[in-house]
């Protein structure tokens, strides 16, 4: 994820903290602040006949969701696997299960593959997955804030993690 793609992920994570991004009474989830950002990336990708923006958002969101899951799990004195088992049980719709599978996949460097298969099979479900990951990240950041870690601190930690991942990926891309 380059610096140019890093900024949209952080913008999306910040938008996930907006209460308007968690409204249930909208006609389309793409009308939510987070939905509009994802839709803008999708439209820009379509204009370029590609999927780079959505792929970078997906990778960044999945990485953030994994990091947030680990942090929330540790605060609840659970292992990450125990936490993810509970998270999986907390929702029964297909997109929720796909979101948990993506986070689990990130543990084994397969999260991006899960998202790639979803995109190839059903673009609408892929957008729903991105929205679910975004909402999950926002809810997790707010949960951490409720137990004492300011949202800006968590966002700064996430930004550092995304940059670290970016720095590790660059040498592989140039070799």
N, C-alpha and C. Protein backbone atom coordinates (compact mmCIF):
# COMPACT_ATOMS: atom_id res chain seq x y z
N UNK A 1 0.86 -1.17 0.00
CA UNK A 1 0.00 0.00 0.00
C UNK A 1 0.90 1.22 0.00
N UNK A 2 0.81 2.02 -1.00
CA UNK A 2 1.65 3.22 -1.07
C UNK A 2 1.03 4.35 -0.26
N UNK A 3 1.81 5.40 -0.09
CA UNK A 3 1.30 6.56 0.66
C UNK A 3 0.03 7.10 0.01
N UNK A 4 -0.05 7.04 -1.31
CA UNK A 4 -1.25 7.52 -2.00
C UNK A 4 -2.47 6.67 -1.67
N UNK A 5 -2.28 5.39 -1.43
CA UNK A 5 -3.42 4.53 -1.08
C UNK A 5 -3.64 4.47 0.42
N UNK A 6 -2.61 4.79 1.18
CA UNK A 6 -2.71 4.81 2.63
C UNK A 6 -3.71 5.88 3.10
N UNK A 7 -3.68 7.04 2.47
CA UNK A 7 -4.56 8.15 2.87
C UNK A 7 -6.04 7.79 2.74
N UNK A 8 -6.49 7.16 1.66
CA UNK A 8 -7.91 6.80 1.58
C UNK A 8 -8.34 5.80 2.66
N UNK A 9 -7.46 4.88 3.04
CA UNK A 9 -7.81 3.94 4.11
C UNK A 9 -8.02 4.70 5.41
N UNK A 10 -7.12 5.62 5.72
CA UNK A 10 -7.26 6.40 6.95
C UNK A 10 -8.50 7.29 6.89
N UNK A 11 -8.79 7.85 5.73
CA UNK A 11 -10.00 8.67 5.57
C UNK A 11 -11.24 7.81 5.84
N UNK A 12 -11.23 6.60 5.34
CA UNK A 12 -12.35 5.69 5.56
C UNK A 12 -12.47 5.30 7.03
N UNK A 13 -11.35 5.05 7.69
CA UNK A 13 -11.39 4.72 9.12
C UNK A 13 -11.91 5.90 9.95
N UNK A 14 -11.52 7.11 9.58
CA UNK A 14 -12.04 8.28 10.29
C UNK A 14 -13.54 8.44 10.05
N UNK A 15 -13.98 8.20 8.83
CA UNK A 15 -15.41 8.30 8.51
C UNK A 15 -16.20 7.23 9.25
N UNK A 16 -15.56 6.11 9.56
CA UNK A 16 -16.25 5.03 10.28
C UNK A 16 -16.62 5.43 11.71
N UNK A 17 -16.02 6.51 12.20
CA UNK A 17 -16.34 6.99 13.55
C UNK A 17 -17.55 7.92 13.56
N UNK A 18 -17.97 8.37 12.40
CA UNK A 18 -19.11 9.26 12.28
C UNK A 18 -20.39 8.46 12.55
N UNK A 19 -21.20 8.88 13.52
CA UNK A 19 -22.44 8.14 13.80
C UNK A 19 -23.32 7.96 12.56
N UNK A 20 -23.23 8.89 11.61
CA UNK A 20 -24.02 8.76 10.39
C UNK A 20 -23.60 7.55 9.56
N UNK A 21 -22.39 7.05 9.79
CA UNK A 21 -21.93 5.87 9.06
C UNK A 21 -22.50 4.57 9.60
N UNK A 22 -23.22 4.65 10.71
CA UNK A 22 -23.78 3.45 11.34
C UNK A 22 -25.30 3.44 11.32
N UNK A 23 -25.88 4.32 10.53
CA UNK A 23 -27.33 4.39 10.45
C UNK A 23 -27.88 3.17 9.75
N UNK A 24 -28.99 2.69 10.24
CA UNK A 24 -29.65 1.53 9.65
C UNK A 24 -30.82 1.93 8.76
N UNK A 25 -31.22 3.20 8.81
CA UNK A 25 -32.44 3.64 8.13
C UNK A 25 -32.19 4.22 6.74
N UNK A 26 -31.07 3.89 6.13
CA UNK A 26 -30.77 4.41 4.80
C UNK A 26 -31.27 3.44 3.73
N UNK A 27 -31.61 3.98 2.58
CA UNK A 27 -32.08 3.14 1.49
C UNK A 27 -30.94 2.29 0.95
N UNK A 28 -29.78 2.90 0.79
CA UNK A 28 -28.60 2.19 0.29
C UNK A 28 -27.43 2.47 1.23
N UNK A 29 -26.68 1.42 1.54
CA UNK A 29 -25.50 1.60 2.39
C UNK A 29 -24.48 2.52 1.74
N UNK A 30 -24.56 2.65 0.42
CA UNK A 30 -23.63 3.55 -0.27
C UNK A 30 -23.99 5.01 -0.04
N UNK A 31 -25.12 5.28 0.63
CA UNK A 31 -25.48 6.64 1.02
C UNK A 31 -24.83 7.06 2.34
N UNK A 32 -24.26 6.09 3.07
CA UNK A 32 -23.55 6.40 4.31
C UNK A 32 -22.25 7.13 3.98
N UNK A 33 -21.71 7.93 4.90
CA UNK A 33 -20.42 8.58 4.62
C UNK A 33 -19.34 7.58 4.19
N UNK A 34 -19.26 6.45 4.87
CA UNK A 34 -18.28 5.44 4.48
C UNK A 34 -18.63 4.83 3.12
N UNK A 35 -19.90 4.64 2.88
CA UNK A 35 -20.35 4.09 1.60
C UNK A 35 -20.01 5.00 0.44
N UNK A 36 -20.13 6.30 0.66
CA UNK A 36 -19.80 7.25 -0.41
C UNK A 36 -18.31 7.18 -0.75
N UNK A 37 -17.46 7.02 0.26
CA UNK A 37 -16.02 6.91 0.00
C UNK A 37 -15.69 5.63 -0.77
N UNK A 38 -16.32 4.54 -0.40
CA UNK A 38 -16.10 3.27 -1.09
C UNK A 38 -16.64 3.37 -2.52
N UNK A 39 -17.81 3.96 -2.68
CA UNK A 39 -18.40 4.12 -4.02
C UNK A 39 -17.51 4.99 -4.90
N UNK A 40 -16.94 6.04 -4.33
CA UNK A 40 -16.04 6.91 -5.10
C UNK A 40 -14.82 6.13 -5.59
N UNK A 41 -14.28 5.27 -4.73
CA UNK A 41 -13.14 4.45 -5.14
C UNK A 41 -13.55 3.48 -6.24
N UNK A 42 -14.73 2.90 -6.11
CA UNK A 42 -15.22 1.96 -7.13
C UNK A 42 -15.42 2.67 -8.47
N UNK A 43 -15.99 3.86 -8.43
CA UNK A 43 -16.21 4.61 -9.67
C UNK A 43 -14.88 5.01 -10.31
N UNK A 44 -13.93 5.42 -9.49
CA UNK A 44 -12.61 5.80 -10.03
C UNK A 44 -11.92 4.58 -10.65
N UNK A 45 -12.06 3.43 -9.99
CA UNK A 45 -11.50 2.20 -10.55
C UNK A 45 -12.17 1.85 -11.88
N UNK A 46 -13.48 1.99 -11.93
CA UNK A 46 -14.21 1.69 -13.17
C UNK A 46 -13.75 2.62 -14.29
N UNK A 47 -13.54 3.88 -13.97
CA UNK A 47 -13.06 4.83 -14.98
C UNK A 47 -11.69 4.44 -15.51
N UNK A 48 -10.88 3.79 -14.65
CA UNK A 48 -9.53 3.37 -15.04
C UNK A 48 -9.49 1.91 -15.52
N UNK A 49 -10.66 1.27 -15.59
CA UNK A 49 -10.74 -0.15 -15.95
C UNK A 49 -9.86 -1.01 -15.06
N UNK A 50 -9.91 -0.74 -13.76
CA UNK A 50 -9.09 -1.50 -12.82
C UNK A 50 -9.81 -1.71 -11.51
N UNK A 51 -9.06 -2.13 -10.52
CA UNK A 51 -9.62 -2.34 -9.18
C UNK A 51 -8.59 -2.01 -8.12
N UNK A 52 -7.58 -1.21 -8.47
CA UNK A 52 -6.50 -0.92 -7.53
C UNK A 52 -6.98 -0.20 -6.27
N UNK A 53 -7.84 0.79 -6.42
CA UNK A 53 -8.30 1.56 -5.26
C UNK A 53 -9.07 0.66 -4.30
N UNK A 54 -10.01 -0.12 -4.84
CA UNK A 54 -10.78 -1.02 -3.97
C UNK A 54 -9.89 -2.08 -3.34
N UNK A 55 -8.95 -2.60 -4.10
CA UNK A 55 -8.04 -3.61 -3.55
C UNK A 55 -7.21 -3.03 -2.41
N UNK A 56 -6.72 -1.81 -2.58
CA UNK A 56 -5.93 -1.18 -1.52
C UNK A 56 -6.79 -0.86 -0.30
N UNK A 57 -8.02 -0.40 -0.53
CA UNK A 57 -8.92 -0.18 0.60
C UNK A 57 -9.19 -1.50 1.33
N UNK A 58 -9.45 -2.55 0.57
CA UNK A 58 -9.75 -3.85 1.17
C UNK A 58 -8.57 -4.35 2.00
N UNK A 59 -7.37 -4.28 1.44
CA UNK A 59 -6.20 -4.74 2.18
C UNK A 59 -5.96 -3.93 3.45
N UNK A 60 -6.09 -2.62 3.34
CA UNK A 60 -5.90 -1.76 4.51
C UNK A 60 -6.96 -1.99 5.58
N UNK A 61 -8.21 -2.14 5.14
CA UNK A 61 -9.29 -2.40 6.11
C UNK A 61 -9.10 -3.74 6.80
N UNK A 62 -8.73 -4.76 6.03
CA UNK A 62 -8.53 -6.08 6.61
C UNK A 62 -7.39 -6.06 7.63
N UNK A 63 -6.31 -5.37 7.30
CA UNK A 63 -5.19 -5.24 8.24
C UNK A 63 -5.62 -4.50 9.51
N UNK A 64 -6.38 -3.42 9.33
CA UNK A 64 -6.87 -2.67 10.48
C UNK A 64 -7.81 -3.53 11.33
N UNK A 65 -8.68 -4.27 10.68
CA UNK A 65 -9.63 -5.13 11.41
C UNK A 65 -8.90 -6.19 12.22
N UNK A 66 -7.85 -6.75 11.65
CA UNK A 66 -7.06 -7.75 12.38
C UNK A 66 -6.39 -7.12 13.59
N UNK A 67 -5.76 -5.97 13.40
CA UNK A 67 -5.10 -5.29 14.51
C UNK A 67 -6.07 -4.89 15.61
N UNK A 68 -7.23 -4.38 15.20
CA UNK A 68 -8.25 -3.99 16.18
C UNK A 68 -8.79 -5.21 16.91
N UNK A 69 -8.98 -6.30 16.21
CA UNK A 69 -9.46 -7.53 16.85
C UNK A 69 -8.48 -8.01 17.91
N UNK A 70 -7.20 -7.98 17.58
CA UNK A 70 -6.17 -8.40 18.54
C UNK A 70 -6.18 -7.50 19.77
N UNK A 71 -6.32 -6.20 19.55
CA UNK A 71 -6.32 -5.26 20.68
C UNK A 71 -7.55 -5.44 21.56
N UNK A 72 -8.72 -5.54 20.94
CA UNK A 72 -9.95 -5.72 21.72
C UNK A 72 -9.90 -7.06 22.46
N UNK A 73 -9.40 -8.10 21.80
CA UNK A 73 -9.29 -9.41 22.45
C UNK A 73 -8.40 -9.33 23.68
N UNK A 74 -7.25 -8.67 23.55
CA UNK A 74 -6.32 -8.58 24.68
C UNK A 74 -6.93 -7.81 25.84
N UNK A 75 -7.73 -6.81 25.54
CA UNK A 75 -8.39 -6.04 26.60
C UNK A 75 -9.43 -6.88 27.34
N UNK A 76 -10.00 -7.84 26.63
CA UNK A 76 -10.98 -8.74 27.25
C UNK A 76 -10.35 -10.00 27.78
N UNK A 77 -9.00 -10.01 27.79
CA UNK A 77 -8.23 -11.15 28.27
C UNK A 77 -8.62 -12.45 27.57
N UNK A 78 -8.76 -12.36 26.24
CA UNK A 78 -9.06 -13.51 25.41
C UNK A 78 -7.95 -13.65 24.38
N UNK A 79 -7.81 -14.85 23.86
CA UNK A 79 -6.92 -15.02 22.73
C UNK A 79 -7.63 -14.46 21.50
N UNK A 80 -6.88 -14.21 20.47
CA UNK A 80 -7.48 -13.71 19.24
C UNK A 80 -8.45 -14.75 18.68
N UNK A 81 -8.09 -16.01 18.73
CA UNK A 81 -8.99 -17.07 18.23
C UNK A 81 -10.29 -17.11 19.03
N UNK A 82 -10.20 -17.00 20.35
CA UNK A 82 -11.42 -16.98 21.17
C UNK A 82 -12.29 -15.78 20.80
N UNK A 83 -11.66 -14.64 20.63
CA UNK A 83 -12.39 -13.44 20.27
C UNK A 83 -13.08 -13.62 18.91
N UNK A 84 -12.33 -14.14 17.93
CA UNK A 84 -12.91 -14.32 16.60
C UNK A 84 -14.02 -15.36 16.60
N UNK A 85 -13.89 -16.40 17.44
CA UNK A 85 -14.98 -17.37 17.58
C UNK A 85 -16.25 -16.67 18.09
N UNK A 86 -16.08 -15.81 19.09
CA UNK A 86 -17.23 -15.06 19.61
C UNK A 86 -17.79 -14.09 18.59
N UNK A 87 -16.91 -13.44 17.86
CA UNK A 87 -17.35 -12.51 16.82
C UNK A 87 -18.14 -13.25 15.75
N UNK A 88 -17.67 -14.42 15.38
CA UNK A 88 -18.37 -15.21 14.37
C UNK A 88 -19.77 -15.59 14.84
N UNK A 89 -19.89 -15.94 16.11
CA UNK A 89 -21.19 -16.33 16.66
C UNK A 89 -22.14 -15.13 16.81
N UNK A 90 -21.58 -13.92 16.82
CA UNK A 90 -22.38 -12.72 17.05
C UNK A 90 -23.22 -12.30 15.84
N UNK A 91 -22.97 -12.88 14.70
CA UNK A 91 -23.73 -12.53 13.51
C UNK A 91 -24.01 -13.76 12.69
N UNK A 92 -25.16 -13.75 12.03
CA UNK A 92 -25.49 -14.96 11.27
C UNK A 92 -25.68 -14.70 9.78
N UNK A 93 -25.50 -13.46 9.34
CA UNK A 93 -25.67 -13.23 7.91
C UNK A 93 -24.37 -13.55 7.17
N UNK A 94 -24.49 -13.76 5.88
CA UNK A 94 -23.37 -14.19 5.05
C UNK A 94 -22.22 -13.18 5.04
N UNK A 95 -22.52 -11.90 4.99
CA UNK A 95 -21.46 -10.89 4.94
C UNK A 95 -20.70 -10.85 6.26
N UNK A 96 -21.39 -11.01 7.37
CA UNK A 96 -20.72 -11.03 8.68
C UNK A 96 -19.75 -12.21 8.73
N UNK A 97 -20.19 -13.37 8.31
CA UNK A 97 -19.33 -14.56 8.31
C UNK A 97 -18.14 -14.36 7.37
N UNK A 98 -18.37 -13.71 6.24
CA UNK A 98 -17.30 -13.41 5.30
C UNK A 98 -16.29 -12.43 5.90
N UNK A 99 -16.80 -11.47 6.67
CA UNK A 99 -15.92 -10.50 7.34
C UNK A 99 -15.01 -11.24 8.33
N UNK A 100 -15.58 -12.13 9.13
CA UNK A 100 -14.78 -12.87 10.10
C UNK A 100 -13.79 -13.78 9.37
N UNK A 101 -14.21 -14.40 8.28
CA UNK A 101 -13.31 -15.25 7.49
C UNK A 101 -12.15 -14.42 6.93
N UNK A 102 -12.42 -13.19 6.55
CA UNK A 102 -11.37 -12.31 6.04
C UNK A 102 -10.37 -12.00 7.15
N UNK A 103 -10.87 -11.65 8.33
CA UNK A 103 -9.98 -11.33 9.45
C UNK A 103 -9.16 -12.56 9.82
N UNK A 104 -9.81 -13.72 9.91
CA UNK A 104 -9.07 -14.97 10.19
C UNK A 104 -8.03 -15.23 9.10
N UNK A 105 -8.43 -15.00 7.86
CA UNK A 105 -7.52 -15.21 6.74
C UNK A 105 -6.27 -14.35 6.83
N UNK A 106 -6.41 -13.15 7.38
CA UNK A 106 -5.26 -12.26 7.52
C UNK A 106 -4.20 -12.87 8.44
N UNK A 107 -4.61 -13.73 9.35
CA UNK A 107 -3.65 -14.40 10.23
C UNK A 107 -2.73 -15.34 9.46
N UNK A 108 -3.22 -15.82 8.33
CA UNK A 108 -2.48 -16.81 7.55
C UNK A 108 -2.17 -16.30 6.14
N UNK A 109 -2.11 -14.96 6.01
CA UNK A 109 -1.83 -14.31 4.72
C UNK A 109 -2.79 -14.75 3.63
N UNK A 110 -4.06 -15.00 4.01
CA UNK A 110 -5.06 -15.42 3.03
C UNK A 110 -6.28 -14.50 3.00
N UNK A 111 -6.27 -13.45 3.79
CA UNK A 111 -7.41 -12.54 3.85
C UNK A 111 -7.66 -11.84 2.52
N UNK A 112 -6.58 -11.45 1.86
CA UNK A 112 -6.72 -10.77 0.58
C UNK A 112 -7.28 -11.74 -0.46
N UNK A 113 -6.90 -13.02 -0.36
CA UNK A 113 -7.44 -14.03 -1.26
C UNK A 113 -8.95 -14.20 -1.06
N UNK A 114 -9.40 -14.20 0.19
CA UNK A 114 -10.83 -14.30 0.47
C UNK A 114 -11.56 -13.13 -0.18
N UNK A 115 -11.01 -11.94 -0.03
CA UNK A 115 -11.65 -10.76 -0.62
C UNK A 115 -11.59 -10.79 -2.14
N UNK A 116 -10.49 -11.26 -2.69
CA UNK A 116 -10.36 -11.35 -4.15
C UNK A 116 -11.37 -12.30 -4.75
N UNK A 117 -11.56 -13.46 -4.11
CA UNK A 117 -12.57 -14.41 -4.58
C UNK A 117 -13.97 -13.80 -4.50
N UNK A 118 -14.22 -13.07 -3.42
CA UNK A 118 -15.53 -12.43 -3.26
C UNK A 118 -15.76 -11.41 -4.37
N UNK A 119 -14.75 -10.60 -4.66
CA UNK A 119 -14.88 -9.62 -5.73
C UNK A 119 -15.14 -10.29 -7.07
N UNK A 120 -14.42 -11.37 -7.34
CA UNK A 120 -14.58 -12.07 -8.62
C UNK A 120 -15.97 -12.71 -8.75
N UNK A 121 -16.54 -13.16 -7.63
CA UNK A 121 -17.82 -13.85 -7.66
C UNK A 121 -19.01 -12.90 -7.62
N UNK A 122 -18.91 -11.83 -6.83
CA UNK A 122 -20.09 -10.98 -6.61
C UNK A 122 -19.62 -9.60 -6.14
N UNK A 123 -19.64 -8.63 -7.04
CA UNK A 123 -19.15 -7.30 -6.72
C UNK A 123 -19.99 -6.62 -5.63
N UNK A 124 -21.30 -6.84 -5.64
CA UNK A 124 -22.15 -6.23 -4.61
C UNK A 124 -21.81 -6.79 -3.23
N UNK A 125 -21.57 -8.09 -3.15
CA UNK A 125 -21.19 -8.69 -1.86
C UNK A 125 -19.82 -8.16 -1.42
N UNK A 126 -18.92 -7.95 -2.37
CA UNK A 126 -17.61 -7.40 -2.05
C UNK A 126 -17.75 -6.00 -1.43
N UNK A 127 -18.61 -5.16 -2.03
CA UNK A 127 -18.84 -3.82 -1.46
C UNK A 127 -19.47 -3.93 -0.08
N UNK A 128 -20.38 -4.88 0.10
CA UNK A 128 -20.96 -5.11 1.43
C UNK A 128 -19.89 -5.54 2.42
N UNK A 129 -18.95 -6.36 1.97
CA UNK A 129 -17.84 -6.79 2.83
C UNK A 129 -16.99 -5.60 3.25
N UNK A 130 -16.67 -4.72 2.30
CA UNK A 130 -15.90 -3.52 2.64
C UNK A 130 -16.65 -2.66 3.65
N UNK A 131 -17.94 -2.50 3.44
CA UNK A 131 -18.75 -1.72 4.39
C UNK A 131 -18.78 -2.39 5.77
N UNK A 132 -18.89 -3.71 5.79
CA UNK A 132 -18.90 -4.43 7.08
C UNK A 132 -17.56 -4.28 7.79
N UNK A 133 -16.46 -4.41 7.07
CA UNK A 133 -15.14 -4.22 7.67
C UNK A 133 -14.99 -2.80 8.20
N UNK A 134 -15.46 -1.84 7.43
CA UNK A 134 -15.36 -0.43 7.84
C UNK A 134 -16.17 -0.20 9.11
N UNK A 135 -17.39 -0.68 9.13
CA UNK A 135 -18.25 -0.52 10.30
C UNK A 135 -17.63 -1.21 11.52
N UNK A 136 -17.10 -2.41 11.32
CA UNK A 136 -16.45 -3.15 12.39
C UNK A 136 -15.26 -2.37 12.95
N UNK A 137 -14.45 -1.82 12.07
CA UNK A 137 -13.30 -1.03 12.52
C UNK A 137 -13.76 0.17 13.35
N UNK A 138 -14.77 0.89 12.85
CA UNK A 138 -15.28 2.04 13.59
C UNK A 138 -15.81 1.65 14.95
N UNK A 139 -16.58 0.58 15.00
CA UNK A 139 -17.14 0.11 16.27
C UNK A 139 -16.03 -0.31 17.22
N UNK A 140 -15.01 -0.96 16.71
CA UNK A 140 -13.88 -1.39 17.55
C UNK A 140 -13.12 -0.19 18.11
N UNK A 141 -12.88 0.81 17.27
CA UNK A 141 -12.18 2.02 17.72
C UNK A 141 -12.99 2.70 18.83
N UNK A 142 -14.30 2.78 18.64
CA UNK A 142 -15.16 3.40 19.65
C UNK A 142 -15.22 2.56 20.93
N UNK A 143 -15.19 1.24 20.80
CA UNK A 143 -15.17 0.37 21.98
C UNK A 143 -13.88 0.58 22.77
N UNK A 144 -12.75 0.70 22.07
CA UNK A 144 -11.49 0.96 22.75
C UNK A 144 -11.52 2.33 23.43
N UNK A 145 -12.15 3.29 22.78
CA UNK A 145 -12.27 4.62 23.38
C UNK A 145 -13.09 4.55 24.66
N UNK A 146 -14.15 3.74 24.65
CA UNK A 146 -15.02 3.61 25.82
C UNK A 146 -14.28 3.03 27.02
N UNK A 147 -13.22 2.26 26.76
CA UNK A 147 -12.47 1.68 27.88
C UNK A 147 -11.15 2.39 28.13
N UNK A 148 -10.99 3.59 27.51
CA UNK A 148 -9.87 4.42 27.90
C UNK A 148 -8.83 4.78 26.86
N UNK A 149 -8.90 4.23 25.66
CA UNK A 149 -7.92 4.59 24.64
C UNK A 149 -8.57 5.57 23.66
N UNK A 150 -8.11 6.81 23.65
CA UNK A 150 -8.73 7.80 22.75
C UNK A 150 -8.69 7.33 21.29
N UNK A 151 -9.74 7.66 20.56
CA UNK A 151 -9.84 7.26 19.15
C UNK A 151 -8.62 7.74 18.37
N UNK A 152 -8.15 8.95 18.63
CA UNK A 152 -7.00 9.47 17.88
C UNK A 152 -5.74 8.64 18.15
N UNK A 153 -5.60 8.11 19.35
CA UNK A 153 -4.46 7.24 19.66
C UNK A 153 -4.55 5.95 18.85
N UNK A 154 -5.74 5.36 18.81
CA UNK A 154 -5.94 4.13 18.04
C UNK A 154 -5.71 4.39 16.56
N UNK A 155 -6.23 5.51 16.06
CA UNK A 155 -6.03 5.85 14.64
C UNK A 155 -4.55 6.04 14.33
N UNK A 156 -3.82 6.68 15.22
CA UNK A 156 -2.38 6.87 15.01
C UNK A 156 -1.66 5.53 15.00
N UNK A 157 -2.05 4.62 15.89
CA UNK A 157 -1.45 3.28 15.91
C UNK A 157 -1.75 2.53 14.60
N UNK A 158 -2.99 2.66 14.12
CA UNK A 158 -3.36 2.01 12.87
C UNK A 158 -2.57 2.59 11.70
N UNK A 159 -2.41 3.91 11.71
CA UNK A 159 -1.65 4.55 10.65
C UNK A 159 -0.20 4.06 10.65
N UNK A 160 0.38 3.93 11.84
CA UNK A 160 1.74 3.41 11.94
C UNK A 160 1.82 1.97 11.42
N UNK A 161 0.84 1.16 11.76
CA UNK A 161 0.82 -0.24 11.31
C UNK A 161 0.71 -0.32 9.79
N UNK A 162 -0.13 0.53 9.22
CA UNK A 162 -0.28 0.54 7.76
C UNK A 162 1.02 0.99 7.09
N UNK A 163 1.68 1.97 7.67
CA UNK A 163 2.96 2.43 7.12
C UNK A 163 4.02 1.34 7.25
N UNK A 164 4.06 0.65 8.40
CA UNK A 164 5.03 -0.43 8.58
C UNK A 164 4.79 -1.53 7.54
N UNK A 165 3.55 -1.88 7.31
CA UNK A 165 3.21 -2.89 6.31
C UNK A 165 3.65 -2.42 4.93
N UNK A 166 3.44 -1.14 4.68
CA UNK A 166 3.83 -0.54 3.41
C UNK A 166 5.34 -0.63 3.21
N UNK A 167 6.09 -0.31 4.26
CA UNK A 167 7.55 -0.35 4.19
C UNK A 167 8.06 -1.77 3.94
N UNK A 168 7.39 -2.76 4.54
CA UNK A 168 7.80 -4.16 4.35
C UNK A 168 7.46 -4.65 2.95
N UNK A 169 6.39 -4.15 2.37
CA UNK A 169 5.94 -4.62 1.06
C UNK A 169 6.76 -4.00 -0.08
N UNK A 170 7.28 -2.81 0.10
CA UNK A 170 7.99 -2.12 -0.98
C UNK A 170 9.20 -2.88 -1.53
N UNK A 171 10.10 -3.44 -0.69
CA UNK A 171 11.24 -4.15 -1.26
C UNK A 171 10.80 -5.35 -2.12
N UNK A 172 9.75 -6.04 -1.70
CA UNK A 172 9.28 -7.18 -2.47
C UNK A 172 8.75 -6.73 -3.82
N UNK A 173 8.15 -5.56 -3.88
CA UNK A 173 7.58 -5.07 -5.12
C UNK A 173 8.66 -4.65 -6.11
N UNK A 174 9.83 -4.29 -5.63
CA UNK A 174 10.89 -3.80 -6.51
C UNK A 174 11.88 -4.89 -6.90
N UNK A 175 11.77 -6.06 -6.31
CA UNK A 175 12.73 -7.12 -6.64
C UNK A 175 12.29 -7.96 -7.80
